[in-house]
Amino acid sequence: MNWRNRKVRIAIVLAIAMIAAFVAWRTSTPKEQPACVPGRAEVKDASGKVTEIKRTTCMDEAE
């Protein structure tokens, strides 16, 4: 194996390793959860009459 082929193989291996490291780094970051928004939502039927009221309350992390 001559020196030129060896350099090309080393470059390919290093490029694959760098891509794998980048992908591992990006996929390991935790996803942020959306902020909780307290409030109320009304569910209506086809005629417009309120059938259900959903309330959302948020708990502080300190509690």
C-alpha atoms as a PDB file:
ATOM      1  CA  MET A   1       0.000   0.000   0.000  1.00  0.00           C
ATOM      2  CA  ASN A   2       1.536   3.304  -1.014  1.00  0.00           C
ATOM      3  CA  TRP A   3       1.507   6.505   0.979  1.00  0.00           C
ATOM      4  CA  ARG A   4      -1.226   8.219  -1.111  1.00  0.00           C
ATOM      5  CA  ASN A   5      -3.777   5.429  -0.546  1.00  0.00           C
ATOM      6  CA  ARG A   6      -3.012   5.405   3.170  1.00  0.00           C
ATOM      7  CA  LYS A   7      -3.662   9.172   3.451  1.00  0.00           C
ATOM      8  CA  VAL A   8      -6.968   8.855   1.614  1.00  0.00           C
ATOM      9  CA  ARG A   9      -8.124   6.033   3.874  1.00  0.00           C
ATOM     10  CA  ILE A  10      -7.129   7.928   7.009  1.00  0.00           C
ATOM     11  CA  ALA A  11      -8.994  11.024   5.757  1.00  0.00           C
ATOM     12  CA  ILE A  12     -12.135   8.970   5.077  1.00  0.00           C
ATOM     13  CA  VAL A  13     -12.031   7.342   8.513  1.00  0.00           C
ATOM     14  CA  LEU A  14     -11.514  10.706  10.228  1.00  0.00           C
ATOM     15  CA  ALA A  15     -14.388  12.276   8.283  1.00  0.00           C
ATOM     16  CA  ILE A  16     -16.727   9.429   9.263  1.00  0.00           C
ATOM     17  CA  ALA A  17     -15.631   9.724  12.898  1.00  0.00           C
ATOM     18  CA  MET A  18     -16.264  13.472  12.915  1.00  0.00           C
ATOM     19  CA  ILE A  19     -19.728  13.028  11.397  1.00  0.00           C
ATOM     20  CA  ALA A  20     -20.565  10.316  13.948  1.00  0.00           C
ATOM     21  CA  ALA A  21     -19.366  12.528  16.822  1.00  0.00           C
ATOM     22  CA  PHE A  22     -21.442  15.472  15.577  1.00  0.00           C
ATOM     23  CA  VAL A  23     -24.591  13.351  15.223  1.00  0.00           C
ATOM     24  CA  ALA A  24     -24.103  11.868  18.704  1.00  0.00           C
ATOM     25  CA  TRP A  25     -23.599  15.339  20.170  1.00  0.00           C
ATOM     26  CA  ARG A  26     -26.729  16.774  18.529  1.00  0.00           C
ATOM     27  CA  THR A  27     -29.012  13.876  19.434  1.00  0.00           C
ATOM     28  CA  SER A  28     -27.936  13.776  23.078  1.00  0.00           C
ATOM     29  CA  THR A  29     -29.150  17.298  23.863  1.00  0.00           C
ATOM     30  CA  PRO A  30     -32.412  17.214  25.818  1.00  0.00           C
ATOM     31  CA  LYS A  31     -35.456  18.779  24.235  1.00  0.00           C
ATOM     32  CA  GLU A  32     -37.002  21.683  26.113  1.00  0.00           C
ATOM     33  CA  GLN A  33     -40.596  21.270  27.158  1.00  0.00           C
ATOM     34  CA  PRO A  34     -42.917  24.140  26.308  1.00  0.00           C
ATOM     35  CA  ALA A  35     -43.785  26.460  29.157  1.00  0.00           C
ATOM     36  CA  CYS A  36     -47.012  25.676  30.966  1.00  0.00           C
ATOM     37  CA  VAL A  37     -49.766  28.188  30.294  1.00  0.00           C
ATOM     38  CA  PRO A  38     -52.545  28.185  32.874  1.00  0.00           C
ATOM     39  CA  GLY A  39     -56.030  28.776  31.633  1.00  0.00           C
ATOM     40  CA  ARG A  40     -59.287  27.255  30.553  1.00  0.00           C
ATOM     41  CA  ALA A  41     -60.618  25.835  27.304  1.00  0.00           C
ATOM     42  CA  GLU A  42     -64.218  25.228  26.368  1.00  0.00           C
ATOM     43  CA  VAL A  43     -65.145  22.247  24.181  1.00  0.00           C
ATOM     44  CA  LYS A  44     -68.244  22.893  22.111  1.00  0.00           C
ATOM     45  CA  ASP A  45     -70.420  20.552  20.078  1.00  0.00           C
ATOM     46  CA  ALA A  46     -71.626  21.146  16.504  1.00  0.00           C
ATOM     47  CA  SER A  47     -74.478  23.410  17.651  1.00  0.00           C
ATOM     48  CA  GLY A  48     -72.129  25.651  19.630  1.00  0.00           C
ATOM     49  CA  LYS A  49     -73.232  24.472  23.074  1.00  0.00           C
ATOM     50  CA  VAL A  50     -70.446  24.076  25.650  1.00  0.00           C
ATOM     51  CA  THR A  51     -70.089  20.383  26.470  1.00  0.00           C
ATOM     52  CA  GLU A  52     -66.900  20.363  28.492  1.00  0.00           C
ATOM     53  CA  ILE A  53     -64.631  22.837  30.263  1.00  0.00           C
ATOM     54  CA  LYS A  54     -60.956  21.906  30.580  1.00  0.00           C
ATOM     55  CA  ARG A  55     -58.851  23.759  33.127  1.00  0.00           C
ATOM     56  CA  THR A  56     -55.071  23.836  33.076  1.00  0.00           C
ATOM     57  CA  THR A  57     -53.097  24.624  36.201  1.00  0.00           C
ATOM     58  CA  CYS A  58     -49.327  24.850  36.422  1.00  0.00           C
ATOM     59  CA  MET A  59     -47.281  23.700  39.368  1.00  0.00           C
ATOM     60  CA  ASP A  60     -44.095  25.577  40.267  1.00  0.00           C
ATOM     61  CA  GLU A  61     -40.974  23.420  40.416  1.00  0.00           C
ATOM     62  CA  ALA A  62     -40.241  24.726  43.935  1.00  0.00           C
ATOM     63  CA  GLU A  63     -43.449  23.218  45.279  1.00  0.00           C
END
